[in-house]
C-alpha atoms as a PDB file:
ATOM      1  CA  MET A   1      91.291  68.666  96.768  1.00  0.00           C
ATOM      2  CA  LYS A   2      88.660  69.299  99.407  1.00  0.00           C
ATOM      3  CA  SER A   3      90.347  71.541 101.987  1.00  0.00           C
ATOM      4  CA  ILE A   4      93.165  73.985 101.239  1.00  0.00           C
ATOM      5  CA  LEU A   5      95.233  75.765 103.887  1.00  0.00           C
ATOM      6  CA  VAL A   6      96.466  79.183 102.721  1.00  0.00           C
ATOM      7  CA  THR A   7      99.176  80.502 105.029  1.00  0.00           C
ATOM      8  CA  GLY A   8      99.495  84.280 105.117  1.00  0.00           C
ATOM      9  CA  GLY A   9      96.032  84.565 103.621  1.00  0.00           C
ATOM     10  CA  ALA A  10      95.374  87.977 105.192  1.00  0.00           C
ATOM     11  CA  GLY A  11      98.385  89.573 103.500  1.00  0.00           C
ATOM     12  CA  PHE A  12      98.579  91.279 100.125  1.00  0.00           C
ATOM     13  CA  ILE A  13      99.036  88.363  97.717  1.00  0.00           C
ATOM     14  CA  GLY A  14      97.441  85.866 100.091  1.00  0.00           C
ATOM     15  CA  SER A  15      94.167  87.773 100.443  1.00  0.00           C
ATOM     16  CA  ASN A  16      93.947  88.270  96.686  1.00  0.00           C
ATOM     17  CA  PHE A  17      94.520  84.527  96.247  1.00  0.00           C
ATOM     18  CA  VAL A  18      91.903  83.562  98.856  1.00  0.00           C
ATOM     19  CA  ARG A  19      89.317  85.741  97.134  1.00  0.00           C
ATOM     20  CA  TYR A  20      90.279  84.386  93.703  1.00  0.00           C
ATOM     21  CA  PHE A  21      90.233  80.758  94.861  1.00  0.00           C
ATOM     22  CA  LEU A  22      86.834  80.999  96.534  1.00  0.00           C
ATOM     23  CA  GLU A  23      85.407  82.208  93.226  1.00  0.00           C
ATOM     24  CA  ALA A  24      87.294  79.713  91.042  1.00  0.00           C
ATOM     25  CA  HIS A  25      86.702  76.663  93.303  1.00  0.00           C
ATOM     26  CA  PRO A  26      83.422  77.186  95.163  1.00  0.00           C
ATOM     27  CA  ASP A  27      83.315  73.555  96.340  1.00  0.00           C
ATOM     28  CA  VAL A  28      86.689  73.645  98.149  1.00  0.00           C
ATOM     29  CA  GLN A  29      87.059  74.696 101.793  1.00  0.00           C
ATOM     30  CA  VAL A  30      89.586  77.534 102.137  1.00  0.00           C
ATOM     31  CA  VAL A  31      91.317  77.854 105.506  1.00  0.00           C
ATOM     32  CA  ASN A  32      93.130  81.153 105.948  1.00  0.00           C
ATOM     33  CA  TYR A  33      95.935  80.669 108.496  1.00  0.00           C
ATOM     34  CA  ASP A  34      97.565  83.976 109.442  1.00  0.00           C
ATOM     35  CA  ALA A  35      99.348  85.425 112.465  1.00  0.00           C
ATOM     36  CA  LEU A  36      98.037  88.923 111.666  1.00  0.00           C
ATOM     37  CA  THR A  37     101.372  90.693 111.947  1.00  0.00           C
ATOM     38  CA  TYR A  38     101.628  94.299 110.738  1.00  0.00           C
ATOM     39  CA  ALA A  39     101.048  93.244 107.094  1.00  0.00           C
ATOM     40  CA  GLY A  40      98.127  90.878 107.718  1.00  0.00           C
ATOM     41  CA  ASN A  41      94.710  92.495 107.663  1.00  0.00           C
ATOM     42  CA  LEU A  42      91.365  90.688 107.854  1.00  0.00           C
ATOM     43  CA  GLU A  43      89.656  93.753 106.405  1.00  0.00           C
ATOM     44  CA  ASN A  44      91.174  92.608 103.112  1.00  0.00           C
ATOM     45  CA  LEU A  45      88.694  89.725 103.153  1.00  0.00           C
ATOM     46  CA  ALA A  46      85.671  91.305 104.826  1.00  0.00           C
ATOM     47  CA  ASP A  47      83.615  90.738 101.655  1.00  0.00           C
ATOM     48  CA  VAL A  48      84.135  86.946 101.738  1.00  0.00           C
ATOM     49  CA  ALA A  49      84.177  86.376 105.524  1.00  0.00           C
ATOM     50  CA  ALA A  50      80.619  84.993 105.506  1.00  0.00           C
ATOM     51  CA  ARG A  51      81.227  82.438 102.747  1.00  0.00           C
ATOM     52  CA  PRO A  52      80.214  78.983 104.027  1.00  0.00           C
ATOM     53  CA  LEU A  53      83.483  77.337 102.957  1.00  0.00           C
ATOM     54  CA  TYR A  54      85.804  80.098 104.189  1.00  0.00           C
ATOM     55  CA  ARG A  55      87.507  79.686 107.552  1.00  0.00           C
ATOM     56  CA  PHE A  56      89.972  81.893 109.392  1.00  0.00           C
ATOM     57  CA  VAL A  57      92.485  80.624 111.945  1.00  0.00           C
ATOM     58  CA  LYS A  58      94.759  83.035 113.760  1.00  0.00           C
ATOM     59  CA  GLY A  59      98.086  81.271 114.192  1.00  0.00           C
ATOM     60  CA  ASP A  60     101.847  81.435 113.779  1.00  0.00           C
ATOM     61  CA  ILE A  61     103.473  79.000 111.342  1.00  0.00           C
ATOM     62  CA  CYS A  62     106.284  78.554 113.891  1.00  0.00           C
ATOM     63  CA  ASP A  63     103.798  77.153 116.438  1.00  0.00           C
ATOM     64  CA  ARG A  64     103.736  73.460 115.629  1.00  0.00           C
ATOM     65  CA  ALA A  65     100.841  72.634 117.938  1.00  0.00           C
ATOM     66  CA  ALA A  66      98.672  75.342 116.375  1.00  0.00           C
ATOM     67  CA  VAL A  67      99.617  74.224 112.868  1.00  0.00           C
ATOM     68  CA  GLU A  68      98.827  70.588 113.654  1.00  0.00           C
ATOM     69  CA  LYS A  69      95.466  71.576 115.122  1.00  0.00           C
ATOM     70  CA  ALA A  70      94.513  73.569 112.002  1.00  0.00           C
ATOM     71  CA  PHE A  71      95.469  70.676 109.715  1.00  0.00           C
ATOM     72  CA  LYS A  72      93.447  68.181 111.745  1.00  0.00           C
ATOM     73  CA  ASP A  73      90.450  70.377 112.559  1.00  0.00           C
ATOM     74  CA  TYR A  74      89.879  71.196 108.892  1.00  0.00           C
ATOM     75  CA  ALA A  75      91.102  67.939 107.294  1.00  0.00           C
ATOM     76  CA  VAL A  76      93.633  69.875 105.209  1.00  0.00           C
ATOM     77  CA  ASP A  77      94.798  68.030 102.093  1.00  0.00           C
ATOM     78  CA  THR A  78      96.459  70.927 100.199  1.00  0.00           C
ATOM     79  CA  VAL A  79      98.736  73.782 101.253  1.00  0.00           C
ATOM     80  CA  VAL A  80      99.585  77.071  99.542  1.00  0.00           C
ATOM     81  CA  HIS A  81     102.317  78.703 101.594  1.00  0.00           C
ATOM     82  CA  PHE A  82     102.537  82.505 101.311  1.00  0.00           C
ATOM     83  CA  ALA A  83     103.287  83.357 104.952  1.00  0.00           C
ATOM     84  CA  ALA A  84     106.614  85.171 105.204  1.00  0.00           C
ATOM     85  CA  GLU A  85     108.345  88.255 106.424  1.00  0.00           C
ATOM     86  CA  SER A  86     108.796  89.927 103.065  1.00  0.00           C
ATOM     87  CA  HIS A  87     110.213  93.442 103.189  1.00  0.00           C
ATOM     88  CA  VAL A  88     113.895  93.800 102.312  1.00  0.00           C
ATOM     89  CA  ASP A  89     114.332  97.034 104.276  1.00  0.00           C
ATOM     90  CA  ARG A  90     112.970  95.427 107.431  1.00  0.00           C
ATOM     91  CA  SER A  91     115.307  92.446 106.986  1.00  0.00           C
ATOM     92  CA  ILE A  92     118.276  94.814 106.879  1.00  0.00           C
ATOM     93  CA  LEU A  93     117.152  96.385 110.148  1.00  0.00           C
ATOM     94  CA  GLY A  94     116.686  92.994 111.816  1.00  0.00           C
ATOM     95  CA  ALA A  95     117.232  89.606 110.186  1.00  0.00           C
ATOM     96  CA  ALA A  96     116.359  87.257 113.055  1.00  0.00           C
ATOM     97  CA  VAL A  97     112.584  87.347 112.582  1.00  0.00           C
ATOM     98  CA  PHE A  98     113.063  86.570 108.872  1.00  0.00           C
ATOM     99  CA  VAL A  99     115.036  83.430 109.705  1.00  0.00           C
ATOM    100  CA  GLN A 100     112.500  82.464 112.366  1.00  0.00           C
ATOM    101  CA  THR A 101     109.404  82.845 110.186  1.00  0.00           C
ATOM    102  CA  ASN A 102     110.665  82.101 106.699  1.00  0.00           C
ATOM    103  CA  VAL A 103     113.027  79.219 107.477  1.00  0.00           C
ATOM    104  CA  LEU A 104     111.890  77.621 110.732  1.00  0.00           C
ATOM    105  CA  GLY A 105     108.204  78.309 110.081  1.00  0.00           C
ATOM    106  CA  THR A 106     108.407  76.702 106.660  1.00  0.00           C
ATOM    107  CA  GLN A 107     110.050  73.616 108.177  1.00  0.00           C
ATOM    108  CA  VAL A 108     107.210  73.308 110.691  1.00  0.00           C
ATOM    109  CA  LEU A 109     104.684  73.402 107.850  1.00  0.00           C
ATOM    110  CA  LEU A 110     106.614  70.824 105.830  1.00  0.00           C
ATOM    111  CA  ASP A 111     106.852  68.473 108.809  1.00  0.00           C
ATOM    112  CA  VAL A 112     103.141  68.725 109.607  1.00  0.00           C
ATOM    113  CA  ALA A 113     102.157  68.419 105.949  1.00  0.00           C
ATOM    114  CA  ARG A 114     104.192  65.212 105.695  1.00  0.00           C
ATOM    115  CA  GLN A 115     102.706  63.897 108.933  1.00  0.00           C
ATOM    116  CA  CYS A 116      99.177  64.583 107.606  1.00  0.00           C
ATOM    117  CA  ARG A 117      99.972  63.147 104.151  1.00  0.00           C
ATOM    118  CA  VAL A 118      98.828  66.160 102.173  1.00  0.00           C
ATOM    119  CA  GLU A 119      98.209  65.746  98.460  1.00  0.00           C
ATOM    120  CA  ARG A 120      99.992  68.958  97.438  1.00  0.00           C
ATOM    121  CA  PHE A 121     102.254  71.595  99.018  1.00  0.00           C
ATOM    122  CA  LEU A 122     102.854  74.722  96.947  1.00  0.00           C
ATOM    123  CA  HIS A 123     105.652  76.907  98.305  1.00  0.00           C
ATOM    124  CA  VAL A 124     105.503  80.510  97.072  1.00  0.00           C
ATOM    125  CA  SER A 125     108.902  82.153  96.688  1.00  0.00           C
ATOM    126  CA  THR A 126     110.514  85.123  94.959  1.00  0.00           C
ATOM    127  CA  ASP A 127     112.871  85.960  92.112  1.00  0.00           C
ATOM    128  CA  GLU A 128     115.062  87.719  94.684  1.00  0.00           C
ATOM    129  CA  VAL A 129     116.652  84.375  95.597  1.00  0.00           C
ATOM    130  CA  TYR A 130     118.506  84.522  92.259  1.00  0.00           C
ATOM    131  CA  GLY A 131     120.368  87.713  93.180  1.00  0.00           C
ATOM    132  CA  SER A 132     120.990  90.570  90.765  1.00  0.00           C
ATOM    133  CA  LEU A 133     121.248  90.658  86.971  1.00  0.00           C
ATOM    134  CA  GLY A 134     123.397  92.801  84.732  1.00  0.00           C
ATOM    135  CA  PRO A 135     121.878  94.878  81.919  1.00  0.00           C
ATOM    136  CA  THR A 136     120.871  91.772  79.923  1.00  0.00           C
ATOM    137  CA  GLY A 137     119.555  88.272  80.536  1.00  0.00           C
ATOM    138  CA  LYS A 138     116.748  86.828  82.631  1.00  0.00           C
ATOM    139  CA  PHE A 139     116.372  84.444  85.547  1.00  0.00           C
ATOM    140  CA  THR A 140     115.447  80.898  84.551  1.00  0.00           C
ATOM    141  CA  GLU A 141     114.603  78.014  86.847  1.00  0.00           C
ATOM    142  CA  GLN A 142     118.211  76.825  86.400  1.00  0.00           C
ATOM    143  CA  THR A 143     119.778  80.122  87.522  1.00  0.00           C
ATOM    144  CA  PRO A 144     121.971  79.444  90.595  1.00  0.00           C
ATOM    145  CA  LEU A 145     120.677  80.909  93.849  1.00  0.00           C
ATOM    146  CA  HIS A 146     122.619  83.982  94.950  1.00  0.00           C
ATOM    147  CA  PRO A 147     120.510  85.918  97.485  1.00  0.00           C
ATOM    148  CA  ASN A 148     121.879  89.299  98.507  1.00  0.00           C
ATOM    149  CA  SER A 149     119.656  90.415 101.419  1.00  0.00           C
ATOM    150  CA  PRO A 150     118.672  88.746 104.694  1.00  0.00           C
ATOM    151  CA  TYR A 151     115.121  88.498 103.297  1.00  0.00           C
ATOM    152  CA  SER A 152     116.115  86.746 100.075  1.00  0.00           C
ATOM    153  CA  ALA A 153     118.603  84.504 101.917  1.00  0.00           C
ATOM    154  CA  SER A 154     115.825  83.365 104.249  1.00  0.00           C
ATOM    155  CA  LYS A 155     113.558  82.657 101.276  1.00  0.00           C
ATOM    156  CA  ALA A 156     116.316  80.704  99.517  1.00  0.00           C
ATOM    157  CA  GLY A 157     116.702  78.620 102.664  1.00  0.00           C
ATOM    158  CA  SER A 158     112.992  77.872 102.764  1.00  0.00           C
ATOM    159  CA  ASP A 159     113.031  76.966  99.052  1.00  0.00           C
ATOM    160  CA  LEU A 160     115.778  74.416  99.603  1.00  0.00           C
ATOM    161  CA  LEU A 161     114.005  72.915 102.598  1.00  0.00           C
ATOM    162  CA  ALA A 162     110.827  72.521 100.552  1.00  0.00           C
ATOM    163  CA  LEU A 163     112.644  70.853  97.666  1.00  0.00           C
ATOM    164  CA  ALA A 164     114.564  68.641 100.113  1.00  0.00           C
ATOM    165  CA  ALA A 165     111.272  67.491 101.648  1.00  0.00           C
ATOM    166  CA  HIS A 166     110.252  66.274  98.207  1.00  0.00           C
ATOM    167  CA  HIS A 167     113.568  64.615  97.390  1.00  0.00           C
ATOM    168  CA  THR A 168     114.081  62.972 100.765  1.00  0.00           C
ATOM    169  CA  PHE A 169     110.556  62.164 101.902  1.00  0.00           C
ATOM    170  CA  GLY A 170     108.482  62.274  98.734  1.00  0.00           C
ATOM    171  CA  LEU A 171     106.345  65.187  99.952  1.00  0.00           C
ATOM    172  CA  PRO A 172     104.419  66.416  96.873  1.00  0.00           C
ATOM    173  CA  VAL A 173     106.013  69.878  96.841  1.00  0.00           C
ATOM    174  CA  VAL A 174     105.905  72.308  93.926  1.00  0.00           C
ATOM    175  CA  LEU A 175     107.625  75.680  94.073  1.00  0.00           C
ATOM    176  CA  THR A 176     106.949  79.025  92.374  1.00  0.00           C
ATOM    177  CA  ARG A 177     109.191  82.091  92.159  1.00  0.00           C
ATOM    178  CA  CYS A 178     107.490  85.310  91.137  1.00  0.00           C
ATOM    179  CA  SER A 179     108.576  88.791  90.152  1.00  0.00           C
ATOM    180  CA  ASN A 180     107.426  91.957  91.957  1.00  0.00           C
ATOM    181  CA  ASN A 181     103.653  92.009  92.472  1.00  0.00           C
ATOM    182  CA  TYR A 182     101.396  95.049  92.490  1.00  0.00           C
ATOM    183  CA  GLY A 183      97.653  95.587  92.840  1.00  0.00           C
ATOM    184  CA  PRO A 184      94.920  96.097  95.467  1.00  0.00           C
ATOM    185  CA  TYR A 185      95.540  95.585  99.191  1.00  0.00           C
ATOM    186  CA  GLN A 186      99.342  95.893  99.042  1.00  0.00           C
ATOM    187  CA  PHE A 187     100.827  97.187 102.285  1.00  0.00           C
ATOM    188  CA  PRO A 188     101.956 100.772 101.635  1.00  0.00           C
ATOM    189  CA  GLU A 189     105.603 100.297 102.525  1.00  0.00           C
ATOM    190  CA  LYS A 190     106.232  98.750  99.085  1.00  0.00           C
ATOM    191  CA  LEU A 191     107.175 100.945  96.128  1.00  0.00           C
ATOM    192  CA  ILE A 192     103.947 101.328  94.144  1.00  0.00           C
ATOM    193  CA  PRO A 193     101.411 101.818  96.968  1.00  0.00           C
ATOM    194  CA  LEU A 194     103.830 104.065  98.864  1.00  0.00           C
ATOM    195  CA  MET A 195     104.301 106.297  95.820  1.00  0.00           C
ATOM    196  CA  ILE A 196     100.544 106.411  95.168  1.00  0.00           C
ATOM    197  CA  ALA A 197      99.701 107.249  98.789  1.00  0.00           C
ATOM    198  CA  ASN A 198     102.386 109.944  99.082  1.00  0.00           C
ATOM    199  CA  ALA A 199     101.478 111.483  95.741  1.00  0.00           C
ATOM    200  CA  LEU A 200      97.789 111.645  96.650  1.00  0.00           C
ATOM    201  CA  GLU A 201      98.706 113.509  99.841  1.00  0.00           C
ATOM    202  CA  GLY A 202     101.291 115.757  98.216  1.00  0.00           C
ATOM    203  CA  LYS A 203     104.133 114.265 100.255  1.00  0.00           C
ATOM    204  CA  PRO A 204     107.703 113.664  98.993  1.00  0.00           C
ATOM    205  CA  LEU A 205     108.199 110.442  97.028  1.00  0.00           C
ATOM    206  CA  PRO A 206     111.424 108.816  98.333  1.00  0.00           C
ATOM    207  CA  VAL A 207     113.391 107.060  95.574  1.00  0.00           C
ATOM    208  CA  TYR A 208     116.487 105.035  96.436  1.00  0.00           C
ATOM    209  CA  GLY A 209     119.818 105.963  94.827  1.00  0.00           C
ATOM    210  CA  ASP A 210     119.537 107.046  91.195  1.00  0.00           C
ATOM    211  CA  GLY A 211     116.163 105.320  90.694  1.00  0.00           C
ATOM    212  CA  LEU A 212     117.511 103.168  87.857  1.00  0.00           C
ATOM    213  CA  ASN A 213     117.006  99.815  89.574  1.00  0.00           C
ATOM    214  CA  VAL A 214     114.899  97.583  87.321  1.00  0.00           C
ATOM    215  CA  ARG A 215     112.113  95.224  88.349  1.00  0.00           C
ATOM    216  CA  ASP A 216     109.757  92.925  86.424  1.00  0.00           C
ATOM    217  CA  TRP A 217     106.201  93.778  87.527  1.00  0.00           C
ATOM    218  CA  LEU A 218     103.363  91.262  87.756  1.00  0.00           C
ATOM    219  CA  TYR A 219      99.721  92.101  88.465  1.00  0.00           C
ATOM    220  CA  VAL A 220      98.579  90.189  91.542  1.00  0.00           C
ATOM    221  CA  GLY A 221      95.528  88.745  89.784  1.00  0.00           C
ATOM    222  CA  ASP A 222      97.770  87.182  87.142  1.00  0.00           C
ATOM    223  CA  HIS A 223      99.925  85.727  89.907  1.00  0.00           C
ATOM    224  CA  CYS A 224      96.877  84.160  91.564  1.00  0.00           C
ATOM    225  CA  ARG A 225      95.900  82.459  88.299  1.00  0.00           C
ATOM    226  CA  ALA A 226      99.431  81.183  87.846  1.00  0.00           C
ATOM    227  CA  ILE A 227      99.515  79.641  91.311  1.00  0.00           C
ATOM    228  CA  ASP A 228      96.200  77.915  90.623  1.00  0.00           C
ATOM    229  CA  VAL A 229      97.609  76.476  87.385  1.00  0.00           C
ATOM    230  CA  VAL A 230     100.796  75.228  89.063  1.00  0.00           C
ATOM    231  CA  LEU A 231      98.781  73.811  91.952  1.00  0.00           C
ATOM    232  CA  ALA A 232      96.666  71.814  89.511  1.00  0.00           C
ATOM    233  CA  ARG A 233      99.222  70.756  86.896  1.00  0.00           C
ATOM    234  CA  GLY A 234     102.754  71.510  88.057  1.00  0.00           C
ATOM    235  CA  GLU A 235     105.151  68.588  88.435  1.00  0.00           C
ATOM    236  CA  ALA A 236     106.117  67.698  92.005  1.00  0.00           C
ATOM    237  CA  GLY A 237     109.675  68.614  92.913  1.00  0.00           C
ATOM    238  CA  GLU A 238     109.876  71.292  90.217  1.00  0.00           C
ATOM    239  CA  VAL A 239     110.215  75.075  90.181  1.00  0.00           C
ATOM    240  CA  TYR A 240     108.134  77.432  88.024  1.00  0.00           C
ATOM    241  CA  ASN A 241     109.080  81.070  87.472  1.00  0.00           C
ATOM    242  CA  ILE A 242     106.155  83.509  87.252  1.00  0.00           C
ATOM    243  CA  GLY A 243     106.822  86.892  85.668  1.00  0.00           C
ATOM    244  CA  GLY A 244     105.046  89.726  83.940  1.00  0.00           C
ATOM    245  CA  ASN A 245     107.556  90.151  81.082  1.00  0.00           C
ATOM    246  CA  ASN A 246     107.355  93.769  82.116  1.00  0.00           C
ATOM    247  CA  GLU A 247     110.586  95.491  83.126  1.00  0.00           C
ATOM    248  CA  TRP A 248     110.494  99.034  84.470  1.00  0.00           C
ATOM    249  CA  LYS A 249     113.051 101.297  86.080  1.00  0.00           C
ATOM    250  CA  ASN A 250     111.845 102.455  89.499  1.00  0.00           C
ATOM    251  CA  ILE A 251     112.086 106.116  88.525  1.00  0.00           C
ATOM    252  CA  ASP A 252     109.959 105.548  85.421  1.00  0.00           C
ATOM    253  CA  ILE A 253     107.212 103.920  87.493  1.00  0.00           C
ATOM    254  CA  VAL A 254     107.270 106.856  89.904  1.00  0.00           C
ATOM    255  CA  ARG A 255     107.009 109.325  87.022  1.00  0.00           C
ATOM    256  CA  LEU A 256     104.136 107.348  85.483  1.00  0.00           C
ATOM    257  CA  ILE A 257     102.207 107.415  88.778  1.00  0.00           C
ATOM    258  CA  LEU A 258     102.719 111.174  89.053  1.00  0.00           C
ATOM    259  CA  LYS A 259     101.596 111.639  85.465  1.00  0.00           C
ATOM    260  CA  ILE A 260      98.406 109.609  85.957  1.00  0.00           C
ATOM    261  CA  LEU A 261      97.622 111.530  89.139  1.00  0.00           C
ATOM    262  CA  ASN A 262      98.546 114.862  87.541  1.00  0.00           C
ATOM    263  CA  LYS A 263     101.095 115.561  90.269  1.00  0.00           C
ATOM    264  CA  PRO A 264     104.415 117.407  89.796  1.00  0.00           C
ATOM    265  CA  GLU A 265     107.713 115.529  89.439  1.00  0.00           C
ATOM    266  CA  SER A 266     109.128 117.974  91.981  1.00  0.00           C
ATOM    267  CA  LEU A 267     107.661 115.601  94.610  1.00  0.00           C
ATOM    268  CA  ILE A 268     110.407 113.075  93.768  1.00  0.00           C
ATOM    269  CA  THR A 269     113.097 113.012  96.456  1.00  0.00           C
ATOM    270  CA  PHE A 270     116.196 110.895  95.931  1.00  0.00           C
ATOM    271  CA  VAL A 271     117.407 109.274  99.163  1.00  0.00           C
ATOM    272  CA  LYS A 272     120.454 107.257 100.209  1.00  0.00           C
ATOM    273  CA  ASP A 273     120.421 103.870  98.512  1.00  0.00           C
ATOM    274  CA  ARG A 274     119.479 100.698 100.338  1.00  0.00           C
ATOM    275  CA  PRO A 275     122.547  98.645 101.400  1.00  0.00           C
ATOM    276  CA  GLY A 276     123.256  95.907  98.837  1.00  0.00           C
ATOM    277  CA  HIS A 277     120.398  97.057  96.579  1.00  0.00           C
ATOM    278  CA  ASP A 278     120.033  94.593  93.688  1.00  0.00           C
ATOM    279  CA  ARG A 279     120.248  96.410  90.369  1.00  0.00           C
ATOM    280  CA  ARG A 280     117.980  94.415  88.105  1.00  0.00           C
ATOM    281  CA  TYR A 281     115.548  91.501  88.184  1.00  0.00           C
ATOM    282  CA  ALA A 282     113.923  89.917  85.136  1.00  0.00           C
ATOM    283  CA  ILE A 283     112.012  86.636  84.965  1.00  0.00           C
ATOM    284  CA  ASP A 284     111.992  84.141  82.116  1.00  0.00           C
ATOM    285  CA  ALA A 285     108.512  82.641  82.499  1.00  0.00           C
ATOM    286  CA  SER A 286     108.651  80.520  79.343  1.00  0.00           C
ATOM    287  CA  ARG A 287     108.438  77.216  81.230  1.00  0.00           C
ATOM    288  CA  ILE A 288     105.044  77.897  82.822  1.00  0.00           C
ATOM    289  CA  ALA A 289     103.844  79.261  79.471  1.00  0.00           C
ATOM    290  CA  HIS A 290     104.963  76.269  77.399  1.00  0.00           C
ATOM    291  CA  GLU A 291     104.247  73.469  79.875  1.00  0.00           C
ATOM    292  CA  LEU A 292     101.166  74.748  81.714  1.00  0.00           C
ATOM    293  CA  GLY A 293      99.690  77.306  79.308  1.00  0.00           C
ATOM    294  CA  TRP A 294      99.802  80.339  81.626  1.00  0.00           C
ATOM    295  CA  SER A 295     100.622  83.877  80.527  1.00  0.00           C
ATOM    296  CA  PRO A 296      99.859  87.256  82.127  1.00  0.00           C
ATOM    297  CA  ALA A 297      96.567  88.813  81.047  1.00  0.00           C
ATOM    298  CA  PHE A 298      97.159  92.351  82.327  1.00  0.00           C
ATOM    299  CA  ARG A 299      99.213  94.915  80.456  1.00  0.00           C
ATOM    300  CA  PHE A 300     101.089  97.094  82.928  1.00  0.00           C
ATOM    301  CA  GLU A 301      99.431 100.276  81.722  1.00  0.00           C
ATOM    302  CA  THR A 302      96.027  98.737  82.471  1.00  0.00           C
ATOM    303  CA  GLY A 303      97.064  97.158  85.749  1.00  0.00           C
ATOM    304  CA  ILE A 304      98.728 100.271  87.157  1.00  0.00           C
ATOM    305  CA  ALA A 305      95.740 102.443  86.207  1.00  0.00           C
ATOM    306  CA  GLU A 306      93.363 100.031  87.978  1.00  0.00           C
ATOM    307  CA  THR A 307      95.680  99.895  90.991  1.00  0.00           C
ATOM    308  CA  ILE A 308      95.863 103.676  91.281  1.00  0.00           C
ATOM    309  CA  ASP A 309      92.089 103.867  90.951  1.00  0.00           C
ATOM    310  CA  TRP A 310      91.701 101.293  93.749  1.00  0.00           C
ATOM    311  CA  TYR A 311      93.947 103.260  96.124  1.00  0.00           C
ATOM    312  CA  MET A 312      92.112 106.471  95.294  1.00  0.00           C
ATOM    313  CA  LYS A 313      88.798 104.802  96.185  1.00  0.00           C
ATOM    314  CA  HIS A 314      90.142 103.120  99.328  1.00  0.00           C
ATOM    315  CA  LYS A 315      91.959 105.922 101.088  1.00  0.00           C
ATOM    316  CA  ASP A 316      90.330 104.959 104.400  1.00  0.00           C
ATOM    317  CA  TRP A 317      91.818 101.455 104.068  1.00  0.00           C
ATOM    318  CA  TRP A 318      95.409 102.537 103.558  1.00  0.00           C
ATOM    319  CA  ASN A 319      95.129 105.271 106.174  1.00  0.00           C
ATOM    320  CA  ARG A 320      94.075 102.655 108.721  1.00  0.00           C
ATOM    321  CA  VAL A 321      96.824 100.321 107.574  1.00  0.00           C
ATOM    322  CA  MET A 322      99.500 103.005 107.837  1.00  0.00           C
ATOM    323  CA  THR A 323      98.425 103.948 111.362  1.00  0.00           C
ATOM    324  CA  GLY A 324      97.871 100.382 112.564  1.00  0.00           C
ATOM    325  CA  GLU A 325      94.168 101.013 113.163  1.00  0.00           C
ATOM    326  CA  TYR A 326      93.232  98.017 111.039  1.00  0.00           C
ATOM    327  CA  LEU A 327      94.232  95.838 114.031  1.00  0.00           C
ATOM    328  CA  GLU A 328      91.113  97.168 115.757  1.00  0.00           C
ATOM    329  CA  TYR A 329      89.065  95.298 113.151  1.00  0.00           C
ATOM    330  CA  TYR A 330      90.390  91.987 114.401  1.00  0.00           C
ATOM    331  CA  LYS A 331      89.826  92.930 118.035  1.00  0.00           C
ATOM    332  CA  ARG A 332      86.235  93.926 117.287  1.00  0.00           C
ATOM    333  CA  GLN A 333      85.612  90.899 115.108  1.00  0.00           C
ATOM    334  CA  TYR A 334      87.003  88.365 117.553  1.00  0.00           C
ATOM    335  CA  ASN A 335      86.441  90.180 120.853  1.00  0.00           C
ATOM    336  CA  GLU A 336      90.121  90.413 121.736  1.00  0.00           C
ATOM    337  CA  GLY A 337      91.766  93.173 123.721  1.00  0.00           C
END
């Protein structure tokens, strides 16, 4: 591996992975390919922008010519594919862009990767493709796909295309499905950063339904390590679940955030539930533990405290993100607009 293309590298998980990978593999060129939609922010990587082996390319994964140019210009031999429309609520409001980016964009990447004979293509997916669990049990890699939102349906489609590219054409694809991530640089429409930001400003904390929906939470740094492990040692054509073994009800997370910030629970405001809201997710990550030796390092109590501390120290960042002002950074940096 000499040159890795990270799609969506300016987003939440992608930017954390780019930073991690530059530290862990200082001899590998890292090409960050991102369209800089509302959730992509180059400020996330301002501290590594001057690294000699870091490159940024602004581009859409649906634009085959741009993708081909990036692969050829930087002699890409490895792909880690994060780029996706990822917010369930937005997919309910409008599904077409999710199909365009997540399904058609992934197919473009697979086609170009095959054309360029890449050594490895890691497709990053989500536990949401499995659907919803009852009060017991966990998702394994053998759990049938049963997506319940336009977002998760589009991700399931991209998963199947990636696995088909391996089966049909021998493309060296490996696939990961992770539980809910949290940590620094997460766009503040997602549960944890939204609750932190609203609590810090004394605003109401909107909680869907009864707040008893359960998610398995994974610290983003642990996820980055897991992807690196699967990239290096995962078996082509296989799926690896990545989870934090850390189930929490939404309402309990909200109460914990308020407690840490010494804010009153009266800020909690229950709102009409999301249509088709999955009740519970839980990941069985025993395969990656037993076969590849990965396990999460962060306890949730430590990870959430560090995350809250980060958002407290970076209020300017999330204020710019929430108002769209972070786009000015790109315009200044690259003399656009």
